[in-house]
Amino acid sequence: MLTSQNMRDLIKEAIADLKKGDGFIYVTADGKQVDLHDAAKNGIAVTPVNPKDQVIKKLEAAGLLLNDTRFLNELNELISLVTGSGVAAKTSKRRTFSDAEKSKIVEEWKKVEAAGKKTKAAFAREIGVGYQTFINWLRG
């Protein structure tokens, strides 16, 4: 089982491999990664390999199934929920309001405004509507 430090090292190595400028990494017959210039200087036969394929193999061996779309979606959702960063794509559709709903919201705003409790922007956020949309409803 990988420790958290080993996982960090694996991820850092994967990032470094993917950021290499020439687009390929070079491996020996036994699968060890080697610098192309060192291999040429020492007469070692190498095979060019897409670093993405190598990274995916290493991460899958560690239990990260990056070719599994469902797993990736769940991992992205987990990261989003843990960090609160909003990484996960929103799956909900845009909400549309009927004229009756808009009227009811505007009436509610008039009560809130009379009490002086909230700004228009705060009220719009609270009901899940963009500020400009809410302003358009007030004008409308």
Protein backbone atom coordinates (compact mmCIF):
# COMPACT_ATOMS: atom_id res chain seq x y z
CA MET A 1 0.00 0.00 0.00
CA LEU A 2 1.21 3.47 -0.82
CA THR A 3 1.82 5.96 1.94
CA SER A 4 0.66 9.53 1.46
CA GLN A 5 4.29 10.58 0.89
CA ASN A 6 4.75 7.88 -1.75
CA MET A 7 1.53 9.02 -3.44
CA ARG A 8 2.76 12.62 -3.40
CA ASP A 9 6.07 11.53 -4.90
CA LEU A 10 4.26 9.51 -7.55
CA ILE A 11 2.06 12.49 -8.45
CA LYS A 12 5.05 14.87 -8.58
CA GLU A 13 6.93 12.42 -10.81
CA ALA A 14 3.89 12.08 -13.07
CA ILE A 15 3.59 15.86 -13.39
CA ALA A 16 7.30 16.18 -14.20
CA ASP A 17 7.06 13.43 -16.83
CA LEU A 18 4.07 15.10 -18.49
CA LYS A 19 5.73 18.53 -18.53
CA LYS A 20 8.84 17.37 -20.38
CA GLY A 21 9.26 19.42 -23.53
CA ASP A 22 10.02 16.85 -26.23
CA GLY A 23 6.78 14.90 -25.87
CA PHE A 24 8.39 11.50 -25.21
CA ILE A 25 10.23 9.68 -22.49
CA TYR A 26 12.73 6.95 -23.27
CA VAL A 27 12.80 3.54 -21.64
CA THR A 28 15.26 0.68 -21.78
CA ALA A 29 14.33 -2.90 -22.65
CA ASP A 30 13.74 -3.62 -18.94
CA GLY A 31 11.36 -0.62 -18.66
CA LYS A 32 13.61 1.81 -16.82
CA GLN A 33 13.36 5.45 -17.83
CA VAL A 34 16.60 6.91 -19.14
CA ASP A 35 17.73 10.24 -20.55
CA LEU A 36 18.09 10.04 -24.34
CA HIS A 37 21.53 11.72 -24.34
CA ASP A 38 22.85 9.37 -21.65
CA ALA A 39 21.49 6.38 -23.57
CA ALA A 40 23.17 7.54 -26.79
CA LYS A 41 26.45 8.23 -25.01
CA ASN A 42 26.45 4.76 -23.38
CA GLY A 43 25.08 2.88 -26.39
CA ILE A 44 21.89 1.81 -24.62
CA ALA A 45 18.94 0.91 -26.83
CA VAL A 46 15.81 2.82 -25.88
CA THR A 47 12.21 3.00 -26.97
CA PRO A 48 10.34 6.32 -27.15
CA VAL A 49 7.15 6.15 -25.12
CA ASN A 50 4.32 8.62 -24.73
CA PRO A 51 4.72 9.84 -21.13
CA LYS A 52 0.95 9.94 -20.71
CA ASP A 53 0.75 6.16 -21.23
CA GLN A 54 3.54 5.57 -18.69
CA VAL A 55 1.95 7.92 -16.16
CA ILE A 56 -1.43 6.20 -16.53
CA LYS A 57 0.19 2.78 -15.99
CA LYS A 58 2.02 3.98 -12.85
CA LEU A 59 -1.07 5.63 -11.40
CA GLU A 60 -3.26 2.62 -12.17
CA ALA A 61 -0.72 0.38 -10.41
CA ALA A 62 -1.20 2.68 -7.39
CA GLY A 63 -4.98 2.32 -7.61
CA LEU A 64 -5.86 5.52 -9.46
CA LEU A 65 -7.91 4.39 -12.45
CA LEU A 66 -7.58 7.39 -14.75
CA ASN A 67 -9.08 5.62 -17.76
CA ASP A 68 -12.31 5.01 -15.83
CA THR A 69 -14.57 8.01 -16.49
CA ARG A 70 -16.87 7.18 -13.60
CA PHE A 71 -13.93 7.01 -11.20
CA LEU A 72 -12.59 10.34 -12.50
CA ASN A 73 -15.98 12.01 -12.06
CA GLU A 74 -16.23 10.69 -8.50
CA LEU A 75 -12.65 11.77 -7.73
CA ASN A 76 -13.31 15.27 -9.11
CA GLU A 77 -16.51 15.50 -7.08
CA LEU A 78 -14.66 14.38 -3.93
CA ILE A 79 -11.93 16.97 -4.49
CA SER A 80 -14.53 19.65 -5.05
CA LEU A 81 -16.44 18.75 -1.90
CA VAL A 82 -13.32 18.48 0.26
CA THR A 83 -11.69 21.68 -0.97
CA GLY A 84 -14.81 23.66 -1.75
CA SER A 85 -13.10 24.77 -4.95
CA GLY A 86 -15.98 24.05 -7.29
CA VAL A 87 -13.91 21.79 -9.50
CA ALA A 88 -16.81 19.49 -10.27
CA ALA A 89 -18.89 20.44 -13.26
CA LYS A 90 -22.37 21.57 -12.43
CA THR A 91 -24.91 19.12 -13.70
CA SER A 92 -28.03 21.14 -12.96
CA LYS A 93 -29.79 23.02 -15.72
CA ARG A 94 -30.52 26.71 -15.60
CA ARG A 95 -33.63 27.45 -13.63
CA THR A 96 -36.42 29.29 -15.38
CA PHE A 97 -39.04 31.13 -13.43
CA SER A 98 -42.65 31.62 -14.45
CA ASP A 99 -44.12 35.10 -14.45
CA ALA A 100 -46.06 34.22 -11.30
CA GLU A 101 -42.87 33.11 -9.54
CA LYS A 102 -41.09 36.29 -10.62
CA SER A 103 -43.95 38.41 -9.28
CA LYS A 104 -43.93 36.55 -6.00
CA ILE A 105 -40.15 37.06 -5.64
CA VAL A 106 -40.48 40.78 -6.43
CA GLU A 107 -43.24 41.08 -3.79
CA GLU A 108 -41.02 39.28 -1.27
CA TRP A 109 -38.21 41.69 -2.12
CA LYS A 110 -40.47 44.67 -1.42
CA LYS A 111 -41.09 43.30 2.09
CA VAL A 112 -37.38 42.70 2.67
CA GLU A 113 -36.51 46.14 1.27
CA ALA A 114 -39.08 47.84 3.53
CA ALA A 115 -37.52 46.12 6.53
CA GLY A 116 -34.08 47.25 5.32
CA LYS A 117 -32.57 43.86 6.02
CA LYS A 118 -30.69 43.00 2.82
CA THR A 119 -29.13 44.44 -0.28
CA LYS A 120 -30.50 43.55 -3.70
CA ALA A 121 -27.34 41.56 -4.44
CA ALA A 122 -27.63 39.54 -1.21
CA PHE A 123 -31.30 38.84 -1.86
CA ALA A 124 -30.58 37.74 -5.45
CA ARG A 125 -27.84 35.37 -4.23
CA GLU A 126 -30.16 33.96 -1.60
CA ILE A 127 -32.83 33.07 -4.14
CA GLY A 128 -30.26 31.73 -6.61
CA VAL A 129 -30.68 34.36 -9.31
CA GLY A 130 -28.04 36.56 -10.90
CA TYR A 131 -28.02 40.16 -9.73
CA GLN A 132 -28.66 41.60 -13.19
CA THR A 133 -31.53 39.16 -13.77
CA PHE A 134 -33.09 40.26 -10.49
CA ILE A 135 -32.70 43.95 -11.43
CA ASN A 136 -34.40 43.23 -14.76
CA TRP A 137 -37.32 41.63 -12.88
CA LEU A 138 -37.65 44.74 -10.71
CA ARG A 139 -37.74 46.97 -13.78
CA GLY A 140 -40.08 44.68 -15.65
